[in-house]
Amino acid sequence: MFVVTVDSGLCQGCGECAKGCPVQMFTVLNGKAQVSEDECLGCQSCVSLCTVGAISVDEY
Protein backbone atom coordinates (compact mmCIF):
# COMPACT_ATOMS: atom_id res chain seq x y z
CA MET A 1 0.00 0.00 0.00
CA PHE A 2 1.02 3.57 -0.60
CA VAL A 3 0.52 6.86 1.22
CA VAL A 4 0.30 10.04 -0.82
CA THR A 5 1.15 13.33 0.88
CA VAL A 6 0.68 16.84 -0.49
CA ASP A 7 2.69 19.64 1.07
CA SER A 8 0.10 22.42 1.09
CA GLY A 9 2.82 24.99 1.62
CA LEU A 10 4.35 24.10 -1.73
CA CYS A 11 1.23 23.18 -3.72
CA GLN A 12 0.16 25.85 -6.23
CA GLY A 13 -3.14 24.18 -7.11
CA CYS A 14 -2.32 23.73 -10.79
CA GLY A 15 -4.29 20.46 -10.98
CA GLU A 16 -1.75 18.51 -13.01
CA CYS A 17 -1.77 15.73 -10.41
CA ALA A 18 -5.55 15.44 -10.69
CA LYS A 19 -5.38 15.29 -14.48
CA GLY A 20 -2.58 12.72 -14.56
CA CYS A 21 -3.57 10.29 -11.81
CA PRO A 22 -4.90 7.02 -13.28
CA VAL A 23 -7.09 6.35 -10.22
CA GLN A 24 -8.19 9.98 -9.75
CA MET A 25 -6.83 10.35 -6.21
CA PHE A 26 -6.69 14.15 -6.35
CA THR A 27 -9.10 17.04 -6.35
CA VAL A 28 -8.21 20.71 -6.14
CA LEU A 29 -10.09 22.61 -3.44
CA ASN A 30 -9.41 26.16 -2.34
CA GLY A 31 -6.36 26.31 -4.59
CA LYS A 32 -4.66 23.23 -3.13
CA ALA A 33 -4.53 19.57 -4.16
CA GLN A 34 -6.38 17.23 -1.81
CA VAL A 35 -5.89 13.46 -1.66
CA SER A 36 -9.04 11.33 -1.74
CA GLU A 37 -9.49 7.95 -0.09
CA ASP A 38 -8.92 5.96 -3.30
CA GLU A 39 -6.17 3.39 -3.30
CA CYS A 40 -2.87 4.60 -4.75
CA LEU A 41 -1.23 2.33 -7.32
CA GLY A 42 2.24 3.64 -6.51
CA CYS A 43 2.91 4.71 -10.10
CA GLN A 44 4.22 8.10 -8.92
CA SER A 45 2.92 9.92 -11.98
CA CYS A 46 1.74 12.67 -9.63
CA VAL A 47 5.28 13.09 -8.30
CA SER A 48 6.60 13.46 -11.86
CA LEU A 49 3.87 15.91 -12.84
CA CYS A 50 4.25 18.19 -9.83
CA THR A 51 6.69 20.88 -10.90
CA VAL A 52 7.09 22.25 -7.36
CA GLY A 53 7.79 18.93 -5.61
CA ALA A 54 4.74 19.15 -3.35
CA ILE A 55 3.76 15.46 -3.64
CA SER A 56 5.40 12.42 -2.11
CA VAL A 57 4.43 8.76 -2.39
CA ASP A 58 5.64 6.37 0.30
CA GLU A 59 5.11 2.64 0.57
CA TYR A 60 4.15 1.12 3.89
PDB file of N, CA and C in Angstrom:
ATOM      1  N   MET A   1       0.832  -1.188   0.000  1.00  0.00           N
ATOM      2  CA  MET A   1       0.000   0.000   0.000  1.00  0.00           C
ATOM      3  C   MET A   1       0.875   1.248   0.000  1.00  0.00           C
ATOM      4  N   PHE A   2       0.291   2.322  -0.462  1.00  0.00           N
ATOM      5  CA  PHE A   2       1.021   3.568  -0.597  1.00  0.00           C
ATOM      6  C   PHE A   2       0.285   4.711   0.085  1.00  0.00           C
ATOM      7  N   VAL A   3       1.062   5.650   0.605  1.00  0.00           N
ATOM      8  CA  VAL A   3       0.518   6.858   1.224  1.00  0.00           C
ATOM      9  C   VAL A   3       0.969   8.046   0.390  1.00  0.00           C
ATOM     10  N   VAL A   4       0.015   8.850  -0.023  1.00  0.00           N
ATOM     11  CA  VAL A   4       0.300  10.044  -0.816  1.00  0.00           C
ATOM     12  C   VAL A   4       0.152  11.258   0.087  1.00  0.00           C
ATOM     13  N   THR A   5       1.165  12.124   0.064  1.00  0.00           N
ATOM     14  CA  THR A   5       1.150  13.327   0.884  1.00  0.00           C
ATOM     15  C   THR A   5       1.343  14.543  -0.009  1.00  0.00           C
ATOM     16  N   VAL A   6       0.535  15.563   0.221  1.00  0.00           N
ATOM     17  CA  VAL A   6       0.677  16.838  -0.491  1.00  0.00           C
ATOM     18  C   VAL A   6       1.104  17.889   0.515  1.00  0.00           C
ATOM     19  N   ASP A   7       2.225  18.539   0.239  1.00  0.00           N
ATOM     20  CA  ASP A   7       2.693  19.643   1.075  1.00  0.00           C
ATOM     21  C   ASP A   7       1.923  20.893   0.649  1.00  0.00           C
ATOM     22  N   SER A   8       0.951  21.286   1.456  1.00  0.00           N
ATOM     23  CA  SER A   8       0.096  22.417   1.088  1.00  0.00           C
ATOM     24  C   SER A   8       0.858  23.735   1.033  1.00  0.00           C
ATOM     25  N   GLY A   9       2.001  23.793   1.689  1.00  0.00           N
ATOM     26  CA  GLY A   9       2.821  24.994   1.620  1.00  0.00           C
ATOM     27  C   GLY A   9       3.496  25.162   0.270  1.00  0.00           C
ATOM     28  N   LEU A  10       3.726  24.050  -0.420  1.00  0.00           N
ATOM     29  CA  LEU A  10       4.351  24.101  -1.734  1.00  0.00           C
ATOM     30  C   LEU A  10       3.344  24.053  -2.881  1.00  0.00           C
ATOM     31  N   CYS A  11       2.217  23.387  -2.658  1.00  0.00           N
ATOM     32  CA  CYS A  11       1.227  23.181  -3.723  1.00  0.00           C
ATOM     33  C   CYS A  11       0.703  24.515  -4.244  1.00  0.00           C
ATOM     34  N   GLN A  12       0.679  24.633  -5.595  1.00  0.00           N
ATOM     35  CA  GLN A  12       0.165  25.847  -6.225  1.00  0.00           C
ATOM     36  C   GLN A  12      -1.226  25.646  -6.818  1.00  0.00           C
ATOM     37  N   GLY A  13      -1.780  24.439  -6.651  1.00  0.00           N
ATOM     38  CA  GLY A  13      -3.139  24.183  -7.112  1.00  0.00           C
ATOM     39  C   GLY A  13      -3.304  24.125  -8.614  1.00  0.00           C
ATOM     40  N   CYS A  14      -2.256  23.747  -9.329  1.00  0.00           N
ATOM     41  CA  CYS A  14      -2.319  23.727 -10.795  1.00  0.00           C
ATOM     42  C   CYS A  14      -3.223  22.618 -11.334  1.00  0.00           C
ATOM     43  N   GLY A  15      -3.409  21.540 -10.567  1.00  0.00           N
ATOM     44  CA  GLY A  15      -4.288  20.457 -10.976  1.00  0.00           C
ATOM     45  C   GLY A  15      -3.678  19.404 -11.864  1.00  0.00           C
ATOM     46  N   GLU A  16      -2.396  19.510 -12.154  1.00  0.00           N
ATOM     47  CA  GLU A  16      -1.749  18.508 -13.014  1.00  0.00           C
ATOM     48  C   GLU A  16      -1.798  17.118 -12.393  1.00  0.00           C
ATOM     49  N   CYS A  17      -1.692  17.026 -11.081  1.00  0.00           N
ATOM     50  CA  CYS A  17      -1.768  15.728 -10.406  1.00  0.00           C
ATOM     51  C   CYS A  17      -3.144  15.106 -10.609  1.00  0.00           C
ATOM     52  N   ALA A  18      -4.184  15.928 -10.507  1.00  0.00           N
ATOM     53  CA  ALA A  18      -5.553  15.441 -10.690  1.00  0.00           C
ATOM     54  C   ALA A  18      -5.782  14.967 -12.119  1.00  0.00           C
ATOM     55  N   LYS A  19      -5.216  15.670 -13.074  1.00  0.00           N
ATOM     56  CA  LYS A  19      -5.377  15.292 -14.484  1.00  0.00           C
ATOM     57  C   LYS A  19      -4.613  14.019 -14.815  1.00  0.00           C
ATOM     58  N   GLY A  20      -3.454  13.820 -14.183  1.00  0.00           N
ATOM     59  CA  GLY A  20      -2.578  12.721 -14.560  1.00  0.00           C
ATOM     60  C   GLY A  20      -2.713  11.447 -13.756  1.00  0.00           C
ATOM     61  N   CYS A  21      -3.457  11.470 -12.670  1.00  0.00           N
ATOM     62  CA  CYS A  21      -3.569  10.292 -11.809  1.00  0.00           C
ATOM     63  C   CYS A  21      -4.516   9.260 -12.431  1.00  0.00           C
ATOM     64  N   PRO A  22      -4.040   8.033 -12.652  1.00  0.00           N
ATOM     65  CA  PRO A  22      -4.898   7.018 -13.281  1.00  0.00           C
ATOM     66  C   PRO A  22      -6.058   6.547 -12.406  1.00  0.00           C
ATOM     67  N   VAL A  23      -5.988   6.754 -11.098  1.00  0.00           N
ATOM     68  CA  VAL A  23      -7.090   6.355 -10.216  1.00  0.00           C
ATOM     69  C   VAL A  23      -7.799   7.565  -9.606  1.00  0.00           C
ATOM     70  N   GLN A  24      -7.521   8.739 -10.136  1.00  0.00           N
ATOM     71  CA  GLN A  24      -8.188   9.983  -9.747  1.00  0.00           C
ATOM     72  C   GLN A  24      -8.186  10.212  -8.237  1.00  0.00           C
ATOM     73  N   MET A  25      -6.989  10.164  -7.660  1.00  0.00           N
ATOM     74  CA  MET A  25      -6.834  10.350  -6.211  1.00  0.00           C
ATOM     75  C   MET A  25      -6.894  11.802  -5.767  1.00  0.00           C
ATOM     76  N   PHE A  26      -6.821  12.733  -6.710  1.00  0.00           N
ATOM     77  CA  PHE A  26      -6.694  14.147  -6.346  1.00  0.00           C
ATOM     78  C   PHE A  26      -7.887  14.980  -6.789  1.00  0.00           C
ATOM     79  N   THR A  27      -8.204  15.959  -5.970  1.00  0.00           N
ATOM     80  CA  THR A  27      -9.101  17.039  -6.346  1.00  0.00           C
ATOM     81  C   THR A  27      -8.402  18.328  -5.922  1.00  0.00           C
ATOM     82  N   VAL A  28      -8.776  19.422  -6.526  1.00  0.00           N
ATOM     83  CA  VAL A  28      -8.210  20.710  -6.138  1.00  0.00           C
ATOM     84  C   VAL A  28      -9.321  21.521  -5.480  1.00  0.00           C
ATOM     85  N   LEU A  29      -9.123  21.830  -4.214  1.00  0.00           N
ATOM     86  CA  LEU A  29     -10.087  22.607  -3.445  1.00  0.00           C
ATOM     87  C   LEU A  29      -9.375  23.788  -2.813  1.00  0.00           C
ATOM     88  N   ASN A  30      -9.980  24.947  -2.921  1.00  0.00           N
ATOM     89  CA  ASN A  30      -9.406  26.164  -2.344  1.00  0.00           C
ATOM     90  C   ASN A  30      -7.965  26.391  -2.778  1.00  0.00           C
ATOM     91  N   GLY A  31      -7.673  26.058  -4.033  1.00  0.00           N
ATOM     92  CA  GLY A  31      -6.358  26.315  -4.586  1.00  0.00           C
ATOM     93  C   GLY A  31      -5.262  25.357  -4.161  1.00  0.00           C
ATOM     94  N   LYS A  32      -5.639  24.214  -3.583  1.00  0.00           N
ATOM     95  CA  LYS A  32      -4.656  23.227  -3.134  1.00  0.00           C
ATOM     96  C   LYS A  32      -5.131  21.832  -3.510  1.00  0.00           C
ATOM     97  N   ALA A  33      -4.194  20.957  -3.856  1.00  0.00           N
ATOM     98  CA  ALA A  33      -4.530  19.570  -4.159  1.00  0.00           C
ATOM     99  C   ALA A  33      -4.882  18.839  -2.871  1.00  0.00           C
ATOM    100  N   GLN A  34      -5.932  18.041  -2.938  1.00  0.00           N
ATOM    101  CA  GLN A  34      -6.383  17.232  -1.815  1.00  0.00           C
ATOM    102  C   GLN A  34      -6.352  15.771  -2.254  1.00  0.00           C
ATOM    103  N   VAL A  35      -5.952  14.884  -1.364  1.00  0.00           N
ATOM    104  CA  VAL A  35      -5.895  13.458  -1.665  1.00  0.00           C
ATOM    105  C   VAL A  35      -7.198  12.818  -1.209  1.00  0.00           C
ATOM    106  N   SER A  36      -7.813  12.036  -2.107  1.00  0.00           N
ATOM    107  CA  SER A  36      -9.045  11.331  -1.743  1.00  0.00           C
ATOM    108  C   SER A  36      -8.694   9.992  -1.102  1.00  0.00           C
ATOM    109  N   GLU A  37      -9.695   9.225  -0.772  1.00  0.00           N
ATOM    110  CA  GLU A  37      -9.488   7.954  -0.093  1.00  0.00           C
ATOM    111  C   GLU A  37      -9.235   6.789  -1.044  1.00  0.00           C
ATOM    112  N   ASP A  38      -9.171   7.045  -2.348  1.00  0.00           N
ATOM    113  CA  ASP A  38      -8.920   5.960  -3.303  1.00  0.00           C
ATOM    114  C   ASP A  38      -7.569   5.315  -3.046  1.00  0.00           C
ATOM    115  N   GLU A  39      -7.415   4.102  -3.536  1.00  0.00           N
ATOM    116  CA  GLU A  39      -6.169   3.389  -3.305  1.00  0.00           C
ATOM    117  C   GLU A  39      -5.117   3.744  -4.359  1.00  0.00           C
ATOM    118  N   CYS A  40      -3.991   4.223  -3.890  1.00  0.00           N
ATOM    119  CA  CYS A  40      -2.872   4.605  -4.750  1.00  0.00           C
ATOM    120  C   CYS A  40      -2.226   3.359  -5.346  1.00  0.00           C
ATOM    121  N   LEU A  41      -1.902   3.428  -6.640  1.00  0.00           N
ATOM    122  CA  LEU A  41      -1.228   2.330  -7.322  1.00  0.00           C
ATOM    123  C   LEU A  41       0.282   2.371  -7.144  1.00  0.00           C
ATOM    124  N   GLY A  42       0.796   3.494  -6.682  1.00  0.00           N
ATOM    125  CA  GLY A  42       2.237   3.643  -6.512  1.00  0.00           C
ATOM    126  C   GLY A  42       2.977   3.981  -7.792  1.00  0.00           C
ATOM    127  N   CYS A  43       2.271   4.420  -8.806  1.00  0.00           N
ATOM    128  CA  CYS A  43       2.908   4.710 -10.101  1.00  0.00           C
ATOM    129  C   CYS A  43       3.769   5.966 -10.061  1.00  0.00           C
ATOM    130  N   GLN A  44       3.497   6.849  -9.125  1.00  0.00           N
ATOM    131  CA  GLN A  44       4.217   8.102  -8.918  1.00  0.00           C
ATOM    132  C   GLN A  44       4.128   9.080 -10.084  1.00  0.00           C
ATOM    133  N   SER A  45       3.097   8.944 -10.907  1.00  0.00           N
ATOM    134  CA  SER A  45       2.915   9.925 -11.984  1.00  0.00           C
ATOM    135  C   SER A  45       2.672  11.313 -11.406  1.00  0.00           C
ATOM    136  N   CYS A  46       2.003  11.379 -10.269  1.00  0.00           N
ATOM    137  CA  CYS A  46       1.741  12.670  -9.628  1.00  0.00           C
ATOM    138  C   CYS A  46       3.046  13.350  -9.206  1.00  0.00           C
ATOM    139  N   VAL A  47       3.982  12.554  -8.725  1.00  0.00           N
ATOM    140  CA  VAL A  47       5.284  13.091  -8.303  1.00  0.00           C
ATOM    141  C   VAL A  47       6.002  13.685  -9.513  1.00  0.00           C
ATOM    142  N   SER A  48       5.943  12.978 -10.632  1.00  0.00           N
ATOM    143  CA  SER A  48       6.597  13.458 -11.857  1.00  0.00           C
ATOM    144  C   SER A  48       5.929  14.710 -12.408  1.00  0.00           C
ATOM    145  N   LEU A  49       4.608  14.774 -12.283  1.00  0.00           N
ATOM    146  CA  LEU A  49       3.868  15.906 -12.839  1.00  0.00           C
ATOM    147  C   LEU A  49       3.948  17.164 -11.998  1.00  0.00           C
ATOM    148  N   CYS A  50       4.214  17.028 -10.723  1.00  0.00           N
ATOM    149  CA  CYS A  50       4.249  18.188  -9.833  1.00  0.00           C
ATOM    150  C   CYS A  50       5.568  18.942 -10.005  1.00  0.00           C
ATOM    151  N   THR A  51       5.481  20.110 -10.586  1.00  0.00           N
ATOM    152  CA  THR A  51       6.689  20.882 -10.897  1.00  0.00           C
ATOM    153  C   THR A  51       7.314  21.556  -9.683  1.00  0.00           C
ATOM    154  N   VAL A  52       6.563  21.595  -8.565  1.00  0.00           N
ATOM    155  CA  VAL A  52       7.093  22.245  -7.364  1.00  0.00           C
ATOM    156  C   VAL A  52       7.494  21.252  -6.284  1.00  0.00           C
ATOM    157  N   GLY A  53       7.363  19.961  -6.564  1.00  0.00           N
ATOM    158  CA  GLY A  53       7.793  18.935  -5.608  1.00  0.00           C
ATOM    159  C   GLY A  53       6.929  18.840  -4.362  1.00  0.00           C
ATOM    160  N   ALA A  54       5.632  19.132  -4.510  1.00  0.00           N
ATOM    161  CA  ALA A  54       4.742  19.148  -3.353  1.00  0.00           C
ATOM    162  C   ALA A  54       4.175  17.772  -2.990  1.00  0.00           C
ATOM    163  N   ILE A  55       4.380  16.770  -3.857  1.00  0.00           N
ATOM    164  CA  ILE A  55       3.760  15.461  -3.638  1.00  0.00           C
ATOM    165  C   ILE A  55       4.825  14.405  -3.365  1.00  0.00           C
ATOM    166  N   SER A  56       4.541  13.574  -2.374  1.00  0.00           N
ATOM    167  CA  SER A  56       5.402  12.418  -2.113  1.00  0.00           C
ATOM    168  C   SER A  56       4.533  11.176  -2.017  1.00  0.00           C
ATOM    169  N   VAL A  57       5.106  10.050  -2.456  1.00  0.00           N
ATOM    170  CA  VAL A  57       4.429   8.758  -2.388  1.00  0.00           C
ATOM    171  C   VAL A  57       5.347   7.813  -1.637  1.00  0.00           C
ATOM    172  N   ASP A  58       4.852   7.283  -0.532  1.00  0.00           N
ATOM    173  CA  ASP A  58       5.643   6.374   0.298  1.00  0.00           C
ATOM    174  C   ASP A  58       4.921   5.045   0.441  1.00  0.00           C
ATOM    175  N   GLU A  59       5.679   3.970   0.392  1.00  0.00           N
ATOM    176  CA  GLU A  59       5.112   2.638   0.574  1.00  0.00           C
ATOM    177  C   GLU A  59       5.177   2.265   2.046  1.00  0.00           C
ATOM    178  N   TYR A  60       4.119   1.614   2.507  1.00  0.00           N
ATOM    179  CA  TYR A  60       4.146   1.120   3.888  1.00  0.00           C
ATOM    180  C   TYR A  60       3.571  -0.265   3.956  1.00  0.00           C
TER     181      TYR A  60
END
